[in-house]
Amino acid sequence: MAKKDKQKKRDKSAKEKPEAEKAKDGPVPGELLSDLTRSARSMRTFLTNSLVHSGLYAGQDGVILALDGEEGLTAGQIATRLGVKPPTMTRTLSRMEAQGFVRKLPGVADGRLVRAALTEEGRKHVAAIQLATKATEAMAFEGLSEKEIRQFGRILRRINRNMAGKPGVEDGFGE
């Protein structure tokens, strides 16, 4: 091997070594959390911007999709499905009722229990929300295989199970 080629190989090896050492030691503490937070924020921002013309606020898209799947859910049921606290959902439903997206229904067995249903105005947004959600996911997962996407989903669900019910875990909406 020529002297010049040996020097190139040493230079290349020196550049790669820190990355190889980093991979061996694992991620820097806090780096994965930071990456996950940035990714989630970027996806949420893209989705929100895609829906801005509809008059929907962040989080309301999930409520509409939940009620499109099953009418008459309580605030607690929707909150559980979306991973937020019931008081947060109660406020969200009140705001959405004022906007004309949902209507409140009395409870069947207990009149104090309030259920929610979509109005015609709320139903008009289902297709747009589904399209915006699909576009957001397509952009976020560009270049990933179906297998990688499924694996990522399993990992996220595992993280959510690990964190569920732990003291200090809030709903992400500033409560």
N, C-alpha and C. Protein backbone atom coordinates (compact mmCIF):
# COMPACT_ATOMS: atom_id res chain seq x y z
N MET A 1 0.85 -1.17 0.00
CA MET A 1 0.00 0.00 0.00
C MET A 1 0.90 1.23 0.00
N ALA A 2 0.55 2.17 -0.80
CA ALA A 2 1.34 3.39 -0.93
C ALA A 2 1.22 4.22 0.34
N LYS A 3 2.29 5.00 0.59
CA LYS A 3 2.34 5.85 1.77
C LYS A 3 1.15 6.81 1.82
N LYS A 4 0.76 7.35 0.65
CA LYS A 4 -0.35 8.28 0.55
C LYS A 4 -1.66 7.60 0.95
N ASP A 5 -1.87 6.36 0.49
CA ASP A 5 -3.08 5.61 0.82
C ASP A 5 -3.16 5.29 2.31
N LYS A 6 -2.03 4.96 2.94
CA LYS A 6 -2.00 4.68 4.37
C LYS A 6 -2.39 5.92 5.17
N GLN A 7 -1.89 7.07 4.74
CA GLN A 7 -2.23 8.32 5.43
C GLN A 7 -3.73 8.62 5.32
N LYS A 8 -4.32 8.40 4.13
CA LYS A 8 -5.75 8.62 3.94
C LYS A 8 -6.55 7.70 4.87
N LYS A 9 -6.11 6.44 4.97
CA LYS A 9 -6.80 5.48 5.82
C LYS A 9 -6.74 5.90 7.28
N ARG A 10 -5.57 6.37 7.74
CA ARG A 10 -5.42 6.85 9.12
C ARG A 10 -6.31 8.07 9.36
N ASP A 11 -6.33 8.99 8.41
CA ASP A 11 -7.16 10.19 8.55
C ASP A 11 -8.64 9.82 8.64
N LYS A 12 -9.06 8.90 7.78
CA LYS A 12 -10.46 8.47 7.77
C LYS A 12 -10.80 7.79 9.09
N SER A 13 -9.91 6.94 9.57
CA SER A 13 -10.11 6.23 10.83
C SER A 13 -10.21 7.20 12.00
N ALA A 14 -9.38 8.23 11.99
CA ALA A 14 -9.40 9.22 13.07
C ALA A 14 -10.72 9.98 13.09
N LYS A 15 -11.28 10.28 11.92
CA LYS A 15 -12.55 11.00 11.84
C LYS A 15 -13.70 10.12 12.32
N GLU A 16 -13.65 8.84 12.02
CA GLU A 16 -14.74 7.93 12.36
C GLU A 16 -14.69 7.47 13.81
N LYS A 17 -13.55 7.52 14.43
CA LYS A 17 -13.41 6.98 15.78
C LYS A 17 -14.33 7.62 16.81
N PRO A 18 -14.41 8.93 16.89
CA PRO A 18 -15.31 9.51 17.90
C PRO A 18 -16.76 9.03 17.73
N GLU A 19 -17.24 8.91 16.49
CA GLU A 19 -18.61 8.45 16.25
C GLU A 19 -18.75 6.99 16.69
N ALA A 20 -17.75 6.17 16.39
CA ALA A 20 -17.78 4.77 16.80
C ALA A 20 -17.77 4.66 18.32
N GLU A 21 -16.94 5.48 18.97
CA GLU A 21 -16.91 5.47 20.43
C GLU A 21 -18.23 5.93 21.01
N LYS A 22 -18.83 6.94 20.40
CA LYS A 22 -20.12 7.45 20.86
C LYS A 22 -21.18 6.36 20.77
N ALA A 23 -21.21 5.61 19.66
CA ALA A 23 -22.18 4.54 19.47
C ALA A 23 -21.99 3.45 20.52
N LYS A 24 -20.71 3.17 20.86
CA LYS A 24 -20.41 2.14 21.84
C LYS A 24 -20.88 2.56 23.23
N ASP A 25 -20.73 3.83 23.56
CA ASP A 25 -21.11 4.35 24.87
C ASP A 25 -22.61 4.60 24.98
N GLY A 26 -23.32 4.65 23.88
CA GLY A 26 -24.74 4.94 23.89
C GLY A 26 -25.00 6.43 23.76
N PRO A 27 -26.27 6.79 23.71
CA PRO A 27 -26.60 8.21 23.53
C PRO A 27 -26.24 9.03 24.77
N VAL A 28 -26.03 10.29 24.55
CA VAL A 28 -25.76 11.22 25.64
C VAL A 28 -27.04 11.34 26.46
N PRO A 29 -26.95 11.32 27.80
CA PRO A 29 -28.17 11.44 28.62
C PRO A 29 -28.97 12.68 28.22
N GLY A 30 -30.27 12.47 28.01
CA GLY A 30 -31.15 13.55 27.63
C GLY A 30 -31.30 13.75 26.13
N GLU A 31 -30.38 13.16 25.35
CA GLU A 31 -30.40 13.35 23.90
C GLU A 31 -31.65 12.72 23.26
N LEU A 32 -32.00 11.49 23.66
CA LEU A 32 -33.18 10.84 23.09
C LEU A 32 -34.45 11.59 23.48
N LEU A 33 -34.53 12.01 24.72
CA LEU A 33 -35.70 12.77 25.17
C LEU A 33 -35.84 14.06 24.38
N SER A 34 -34.73 14.74 24.18
CA SER A 34 -34.73 15.98 23.41
C SER A 34 -35.14 15.72 21.96
N ASP A 35 -34.60 14.66 21.36
CA ASP A 35 -34.96 14.31 19.98
C ASP A 35 -36.44 13.98 19.86
N LEU A 36 -36.95 13.21 20.81
CA LEU A 36 -38.36 12.82 20.79
C LEU A 36 -39.25 14.04 20.94
N THR A 37 -38.89 14.93 21.85
CA THR A 37 -39.66 16.15 22.08
C THR A 37 -39.69 17.02 20.82
N ARG A 38 -38.53 17.21 20.20
CA ARG A 38 -38.45 18.02 18.98
C ARG A 38 -39.27 17.40 17.85
N SER A 39 -39.19 16.08 17.71
CA SER A 39 -39.94 15.40 16.66
C SER A 39 -41.44 15.55 16.88
N ALA A 40 -41.87 15.33 18.10
CA ALA A 40 -43.30 15.46 18.41
C ALA A 40 -43.78 16.89 18.17
N ARG A 41 -42.99 17.85 18.60
CA ARG A 41 -43.35 19.26 18.41
C ARG A 41 -43.42 19.61 16.93
N SER A 42 -42.47 19.14 16.16
CA SER A 42 -42.46 19.41 14.72
C SER A 42 -43.68 18.80 14.03
N MET A 43 -44.01 17.57 14.39
CA MET A 43 -45.17 16.92 13.80
C MET A 43 -46.46 17.64 14.19
N ARG A 44 -46.56 18.02 15.47
CA ARG A 44 -47.76 18.71 15.96
C ARG A 44 -47.91 20.07 15.27
N THR A 45 -46.79 20.78 15.09
CA THR A 45 -46.82 22.09 14.43
C THR A 45 -47.27 21.93 12.98
N PHE A 46 -46.72 20.95 12.29
CA PHE A 46 -47.10 20.72 10.89
C PHE A 46 -48.59 20.40 10.79
N LEU A 47 -49.08 19.53 11.66
CA LEU A 47 -50.49 19.17 11.65
C LEU A 47 -51.37 20.38 11.96
N THR A 48 -51.00 21.13 12.98
CA THR A 48 -51.77 22.32 13.35
C THR A 48 -51.81 23.32 12.20
N ASN A 49 -50.68 23.55 11.55
CA ASN A 49 -50.63 24.48 10.42
C ASN A 49 -51.47 23.96 9.25
N SER A 50 -51.55 22.66 9.10
CA SER A 50 -52.37 22.07 8.03
C SER A 50 -53.86 22.28 8.29
N LEU A 51 -54.22 22.45 9.56
CA LEU A 51 -55.64 22.57 9.92
C LEU A 51 -56.05 23.99 10.29
N VAL A 52 -55.12 24.94 10.21
CA VAL A 52 -55.38 26.30 10.69
C VAL A 52 -56.60 26.94 10.00
N HIS A 53 -56.80 26.65 8.73
CA HIS A 53 -57.92 27.23 7.99
C HIS A 53 -59.28 26.75 8.50
N SER A 54 -59.29 25.60 9.19
CA SER A 54 -60.55 25.01 9.66
C SER A 54 -61.06 25.64 10.96
N GLY A 55 -60.21 26.41 11.63
CA GLY A 55 -60.61 27.00 12.90
C GLY A 55 -60.37 26.08 14.09
N LEU A 56 -59.75 24.94 13.84
CA LEU A 56 -59.44 23.99 14.92
C LEU A 56 -58.16 24.40 15.63
N TYR A 57 -58.14 24.17 16.92
CA TYR A 57 -56.94 24.40 17.71
C TYR A 57 -56.25 23.07 17.97
N ALA A 58 -55.00 23.13 18.41
CA ALA A 58 -54.23 21.92 18.71
C ALA A 58 -55.00 21.04 19.68
N GLY A 59 -55.08 19.77 19.38
CA GLY A 59 -55.75 18.81 20.24
C GLY A 59 -57.21 18.57 19.87
N GLN A 60 -57.84 19.55 19.23
CA GLN A 60 -59.25 19.38 18.88
C GLN A 60 -59.44 18.34 17.77
N ASP A 61 -58.43 18.17 16.94
CA ASP A 61 -58.51 17.18 15.87
C ASP A 61 -58.70 15.79 16.45
N GLY A 62 -57.99 15.47 17.52
CA GLY A 62 -58.11 14.17 18.15
C GLY A 62 -59.50 13.94 18.73
N VAL A 63 -60.09 15.00 19.28
CA VAL A 63 -61.44 14.90 19.83
C VAL A 63 -62.43 14.59 18.72
N ILE A 64 -62.31 15.29 17.61
CA ILE A 64 -63.23 15.06 16.49
C ILE A 64 -63.08 13.64 15.96
N LEU A 65 -61.85 13.17 15.82
CA LEU A 65 -61.66 11.80 15.33
C LEU A 65 -62.19 10.76 16.33
N ALA A 66 -62.02 11.01 17.62
CA ALA A 66 -62.53 10.08 18.63
C ALA A 66 -64.06 10.01 18.56
N LEU A 67 -64.70 11.17 18.43
CA LEU A 67 -66.17 11.20 18.37
C LEU A 67 -66.69 10.69 17.03
N ASP A 68 -65.90 10.81 15.99
CA ASP A 68 -66.31 10.26 14.70
C ASP A 68 -66.34 8.73 14.78
N GLY A 69 -65.44 8.17 15.57
CA GLY A 69 -65.39 6.72 15.74
C GLY A 69 -66.47 6.19 16.66
N GLU A 70 -66.89 7.02 17.64
CA GLU A 70 -67.89 6.57 18.61
C GLU A 70 -68.58 7.78 19.22
N GLU A 71 -69.83 7.96 18.88
CA GLU A 71 -70.61 9.08 19.41
C GLU A 71 -70.93 8.86 20.89
N GLY A 72 -71.14 9.94 21.60
CA GLY A 72 -71.62 9.87 22.97
C GLY A 72 -70.58 9.50 24.00
N LEU A 73 -69.33 9.77 23.72
CA LEU A 73 -68.28 9.51 24.71
C LEU A 73 -68.30 10.59 25.78
N THR A 74 -67.90 10.22 26.99
CA THR A 74 -67.78 11.20 28.06
C THR A 74 -66.42 11.90 27.94
N ALA A 75 -66.29 13.02 28.65
CA ALA A 75 -65.01 13.73 28.65
C ALA A 75 -63.90 12.82 29.18
N GLY A 76 -64.21 12.03 30.18
CA GLY A 76 -63.21 11.10 30.73
C GLY A 76 -62.78 10.05 29.74
N GLN A 77 -63.73 9.52 28.97
CA GLN A 77 -63.39 8.51 27.97
C GLN A 77 -62.51 9.10 26.87
N ILE A 78 -62.85 10.31 26.43
CA ILE A 78 -62.04 10.95 25.39
C ILE A 78 -60.65 11.27 25.95
N ALA A 79 -60.61 11.76 27.18
CA ALA A 79 -59.34 12.10 27.82
C ALA A 79 -58.43 10.87 27.89
N THR A 80 -58.97 9.74 28.26
CA THR A 80 -58.19 8.51 28.34
C THR A 80 -57.65 8.12 26.97
N ARG A 81 -58.47 8.21 25.95
CA ARG A 81 -58.03 7.85 24.60
C ARG A 81 -56.93 8.77 24.09
N LEU A 82 -57.00 10.05 24.48
CA LEU A 82 -56.03 11.02 23.96
C LEU A 82 -54.86 11.26 24.91
N GLY A 83 -54.90 10.63 26.08
CA GLY A 83 -53.79 10.76 27.02
C GLY A 83 -53.72 12.10 27.72
N VAL A 84 -54.88 12.70 28.01
CA VAL A 84 -54.93 13.95 28.75
C VAL A 84 -55.78 13.76 29.99
N LYS A 85 -55.80 14.74 30.85
CA LYS A 85 -56.59 14.66 32.08
C LYS A 85 -58.04 15.09 31.80
N PRO A 86 -59.00 14.49 32.51
CA PRO A 86 -60.41 14.85 32.30
C PRO A 86 -60.73 16.35 32.40
N PRO A 87 -60.15 17.09 33.37
CA PRO A 87 -60.47 18.53 33.41
C PRO A 87 -60.03 19.26 32.13
N THR A 88 -58.90 18.83 31.57
CA THR A 88 -58.43 19.41 30.30
C THR A 88 -59.45 19.14 29.21
N MET A 89 -59.97 17.92 29.18
CA MET A 89 -60.93 17.55 28.14
C MET A 89 -62.25 18.28 28.35
N THR A 90 -62.65 18.47 29.58
CA THR A 90 -63.90 19.20 29.85
C THR A 90 -63.80 20.62 29.29
N ARG A 91 -62.67 21.28 29.52
CA ARG A 91 -62.46 22.63 28.98
C ARG A 91 -62.42 22.62 27.45
N THR A 92 -61.75 21.61 26.89
CA THR A 92 -61.67 21.50 25.43
C THR A 92 -63.06 21.32 24.83
N LEU A 93 -63.87 20.45 25.43
CA LEU A 93 -65.23 20.22 24.92
C LEU A 93 -66.09 21.47 25.03
N SER A 94 -65.94 22.22 26.11
CA SER A 94 -66.70 23.47 26.25
C SER A 94 -66.31 24.46 25.15
N ARG A 95 -65.04 24.56 24.88
CA ARG A 95 -64.57 25.46 23.81
C ARG A 95 -65.11 24.99 22.46
N MET A 96 -65.05 23.68 22.23
CA MET A 96 -65.51 23.14 20.95
C MET A 96 -67.02 23.28 20.80
N GLU A 97 -67.74 23.22 21.91
CA GLU A 97 -69.19 23.45 21.86
C GLU A 97 -69.47 24.90 21.46
N ALA A 98 -68.72 25.83 22.05
CA ALA A 98 -68.88 27.25 21.72
C ALA A 98 -68.54 27.52 20.25
N GLN A 99 -67.61 26.74 19.69
CA GLN A 99 -67.23 26.88 18.28
C GLN A 99 -68.21 26.19 17.34
N GLY A 100 -69.10 25.37 17.90
CA GLY A 100 -70.09 24.67 17.09
C GLY A 100 -69.64 23.33 16.55
N PHE A 101 -68.53 22.78 17.06
CA PHE A 101 -68.02 21.49 16.58
C PHE A 101 -68.65 20.31 17.29
N VAL A 102 -69.02 20.47 18.56
CA VAL A 102 -69.63 19.38 19.33
C VAL A 102 -70.87 19.90 20.05
N ARG A 103 -71.70 18.95 20.44
CA ARG A 103 -72.84 19.28 21.30
C ARG A 103 -72.81 18.32 22.49
N LYS A 104 -73.31 18.78 23.60
CA LYS A 104 -73.33 17.94 24.79
C LYS A 104 -74.67 17.23 24.87
N LEU A 105 -74.59 15.97 25.28
CA LEU A 105 -75.78 15.14 25.45
C LEU A 105 -75.88 14.74 26.91
N PRO A 106 -77.10 14.64 27.45
CA PRO A 106 -77.22 14.17 28.83
C PRO A 106 -76.87 12.69 28.92
N GLY A 107 -76.38 12.30 30.10
CA GLY A 107 -76.07 10.89 30.31
C GLY A 107 -77.33 10.05 30.29
N VAL A 108 -77.22 8.80 29.88
CA VAL A 108 -78.38 7.92 29.79
C VAL A 108 -78.87 7.53 31.18
N ALA A 109 -78.01 6.96 32.00
CA ALA A 109 -78.40 6.51 33.34
C ALA A 109 -78.23 7.60 34.38
N ASP A 110 -77.27 8.49 34.17
CA ASP A 110 -76.96 9.54 35.14
C ASP A 110 -77.00 10.88 34.43
N GLY A 111 -77.99 11.70 34.75
CA GLY A 111 -78.15 13.00 34.10
C GLY A 111 -77.00 13.95 34.32
N ARG A 112 -76.20 13.70 35.37
CA ARG A 112 -75.05 14.57 35.64
C ARG A 112 -73.88 14.27 34.72
N LEU A 113 -73.88 13.08 34.16
CA LEU A 113 -72.80 12.66 33.27
C LEU A 113 -73.02 13.25 31.89
N VAL A 114 -72.06 14.02 31.42
CA VAL A 114 -72.20 14.67 30.12
C VAL A 114 -71.44 13.88 29.07
N ARG A 115 -72.12 13.63 27.97
CA ARG A 115 -71.51 12.97 26.84
C ARG A 115 -71.38 13.97 25.70
N ALA A 116 -70.53 13.68 24.74
CA ALA A 116 -70.31 14.60 23.61
C ALA A 116 -70.60 13.91 22.30
N ALA A 117 -71.07 14.70 21.36
CA ALA A 117 -71.34 14.21 20.01
C ALA A 117 -70.94 15.30 19.02
N LEU A 118 -70.59 14.89 17.82
CA LEU A 118 -70.24 15.85 16.78
C LEU A 118 -71.48 16.52 16.23
N THR A 119 -71.36 17.79 15.91
CA THR A 119 -72.39 18.49 15.17
C THR A 119 -72.11 18.28 13.69
N GLU A 120 -72.99 18.76 12.85
CA GLU A 120 -72.72 18.69 11.40
C GLU A 120 -71.46 19.48 11.07
N GLU A 121 -71.27 20.62 11.74
CA GLU A 121 -70.06 21.43 11.52
C GLU A 121 -68.81 20.65 11.90
N GLY A 122 -68.86 19.93 13.00
CA GLY A 122 -67.73 19.10 13.42
C GLY A 122 -67.44 17.99 12.43
N ARG A 123 -68.52 17.37 11.92
CA ARG A 123 -68.37 16.28 10.94
C ARG A 123 -67.72 16.74 9.65
N LYS A 124 -67.92 17.99 9.29
CA LYS A 124 -67.35 18.52 8.06
C LYS A 124 -65.83 18.48 8.07
N HIS A 125 -65.22 18.41 9.25
CA HIS A 125 -63.77 18.49 9.37
C HIS A 125 -63.08 17.12 9.44
N VAL A 126 -63.85 16.05 9.55
CA VAL A 126 -63.26 14.71 9.70
C VAL A 126 -62.32 14.38 8.55
N ALA A 127 -62.77 14.53 7.33
CA ALA A 127 -61.94 14.16 6.17
C ALA A 127 -60.67 15.01 6.10
N ALA A 128 -60.79 16.31 6.39
CA ALA A 128 -59.62 17.19 6.36
C ALA A 128 -58.61 16.79 7.44
N ILE A 129 -59.10 16.43 8.61
CA ILE A 129 -58.21 16.00 9.70
C ILE A 129 -57.50 14.71 9.31
N GLN A 130 -58.25 13.77 8.76
CA GLN A 130 -57.64 12.50 8.34
C GLN A 130 -56.57 12.72 7.28
N LEU A 131 -56.86 13.59 6.33
CA LEU A 131 -55.90 13.90 5.27
C LEU A 131 -54.65 14.58 5.84
N ALA A 132 -54.85 15.56 6.73
CA ALA A 132 -53.72 16.28 7.33
C ALA A 132 -52.88 15.34 8.19
N THR A 133 -53.53 14.43 8.90
CA THR A 133 -52.82 13.46 9.73
C THR A 133 -51.98 12.53 8.86
N LYS A 134 -52.57 12.07 7.78
CA LYS A 134 -51.86 11.18 6.86
C LYS A 134 -50.66 11.89 6.24
N ALA A 135 -50.83 13.16 5.85
CA ALA A 135 -49.74 13.93 5.26
C ALA A 135 -48.62 14.17 6.27
N THR A 136 -49.00 14.44 7.51
CA THR A 136 -48.01 14.67 8.57
C THR A 136 -47.18 13.41 8.80
N GLU A 137 -47.85 12.28 8.90
CA GLU A 137 -47.14 11.02 9.11
C GLU A 137 -46.27 10.67 7.91
N ALA A 138 -46.78 10.90 6.71
CA ALA A 138 -46.00 10.60 5.50
C ALA A 138 -44.71 11.42 5.49
N MET A 139 -44.82 12.69 5.85
CA MET A 139 -43.64 13.55 5.87
C MET A 139 -42.66 13.10 6.97
N ALA A 140 -43.20 12.82 8.14
CA ALA A 140 -42.34 12.44 9.27
C ALA A 140 -41.64 11.11 9.04
N PHE A 141 -42.31 10.17 8.41
CA PHE A 141 -41.75 8.83 8.25
C PHE A 141 -41.12 8.59 6.89
N GLU A 142 -40.91 9.66 6.14
CA GLU A 142 -40.29 9.54 4.82
C GLU A 142 -38.94 8.83 4.94
N GLY A 143 -38.73 7.85 4.08
CA GLY A 143 -37.47 7.13 4.06
C GLY A 143 -37.41 5.95 5.02
N LEU A 144 -38.44 5.77 5.84
CA LEU A 144 -38.48 4.63 6.76
C LEU A 144 -39.28 3.51 6.13
N SER A 145 -38.87 2.28 6.39
CA SER A 145 -39.61 1.13 5.86
C SER A 145 -40.86 0.90 6.71
N GLU A 146 -41.79 0.13 6.19
CA GLU A 146 -43.01 -0.22 6.94
C GLU A 146 -42.62 -0.93 8.24
N LYS A 147 -41.62 -1.78 8.18
CA LYS A 147 -41.17 -2.50 9.36
C LYS A 147 -40.64 -1.53 10.42
N GLU A 148 -39.85 -0.54 9.99
CA GLU A 148 -39.31 0.45 10.93
C GLU A 148 -40.43 1.27 11.56
N ILE A 149 -41.44 1.61 10.77
CA ILE A 149 -42.56 2.39 11.29
C ILE A 149 -43.34 1.58 12.32
N ARG A 150 -43.61 0.31 12.02
CA ARG A 150 -44.31 -0.56 12.99
C ARG A 150 -43.50 -0.71 14.26
N GLN A 151 -42.18 -0.90 14.12
CA GLN A 151 -41.31 -1.05 15.29
C GLN A 151 -41.31 0.24 16.12
N PHE A 152 -41.25 1.37 15.45
CA PHE A 152 -41.28 2.66 16.14
C PHE A 152 -42.59 2.81 16.92
N GLY A 153 -43.69 2.43 16.30
CA GLY A 153 -44.99 2.48 16.98
C GLY A 153 -45.01 1.60 18.23
N ARG A 154 -44.46 0.39 18.12
CA ARG A 154 -44.39 -0.50 19.29
C ARG A 154 -43.55 0.11 20.40
N ILE A 155 -42.44 0.72 20.02
CA ILE A 155 -41.55 1.35 21.01
C ILE A 155 -42.27 2.50 21.71
N LEU A 156 -42.96 3.34 20.93
CA LEU A 156 -43.68 4.47 21.54
C LEU A 156 -44.78 3.98 22.49
N ARG A 157 -45.51 2.93 22.09
CA ARG A 157 -46.55 2.39 22.97
C ARG A 157 -45.94 1.83 24.25
N ARG A 158 -44.78 1.21 24.14
CA ARG A 158 -44.09 0.68 25.32
C ARG A 158 -43.67 1.82 26.25
N ILE A 159 -43.13 2.89 25.67
CA ILE A 159 -42.75 4.06 26.46
C ILE A 159 -43.98 4.62 27.18
N ASN A 160 -45.09 4.72 26.47
CA ASN A 160 -46.32 5.24 27.08
C ASN A 160 -46.78 4.35 28.23
N ARG A 161 -46.71 3.03 28.04
CA ARG A 161 -47.08 2.12 29.13
C ARG A 161 -46.14 2.28 30.32
N ASN A 162 -44.85 2.43 30.03
CA ASN A 162 -43.87 2.60 31.11
C ASN A 162 -44.15 3.86 31.92
N MET A 163 -44.58 4.92 31.24
CA MET A 163 -44.78 6.21 31.90
C MET A 163 -46.17 6.38 32.50
N ALA A 164 -47.13 5.56 32.09
CA ALA A 164 -48.52 5.70 32.54
C ALA A 164 -48.63 5.56 34.05
N GLY A 165 -49.31 6.51 34.63
CA GLY A 165 -49.60 6.45 36.06
C GLY A 165 -48.43 6.75 36.97
N LYS A 166 -47.33 7.22 36.43
CA LYS A 166 -46.17 7.54 37.27
C LYS A 166 -46.38 8.92 37.90
N PRO A 167 -45.99 9.08 39.14
CA PRO A 167 -46.11 10.40 39.79
C PRO A 167 -45.34 11.45 38.99
N GLY A 168 -45.96 12.60 38.82
CA GLY A 168 -45.29 13.70 38.13
C GLY A 168 -45.50 13.70 36.63
N VAL A 169 -46.15 12.67 36.10
CA VAL A 169 -46.41 12.63 34.67
C VAL A 169 -47.68 13.41 34.41
N GLU A 170 -47.56 14.47 33.64
CA GLU A 170 -48.71 15.32 33.33
C GLU A 170 -49.18 15.02 31.92
N ASP A 171 -50.26 15.68 31.52
CA ASP A 171 -50.88 15.38 30.24
C ASP A 171 -50.30 16.13 29.05
N GLY A 172 -49.33 16.97 29.25
CA GLY A 172 -48.73 17.66 28.12
C GLY A 172 -49.43 18.94 27.73
N PHE A 173 -50.51 19.29 28.42
CA PHE A 173 -51.25 20.50 28.09
C PHE A 173 -51.10 21.54 29.20
N GLY A 174 -50.06 21.42 29.99
CA GLY A 174 -49.74 22.44 30.97
C GLY A 174 -50.54 22.39 32.26
N GLU A 175 -51.15 21.27 32.56
CA GLU A 175 -51.89 21.17 33.82
C GLU A 175 -50.95 20.88 34.97
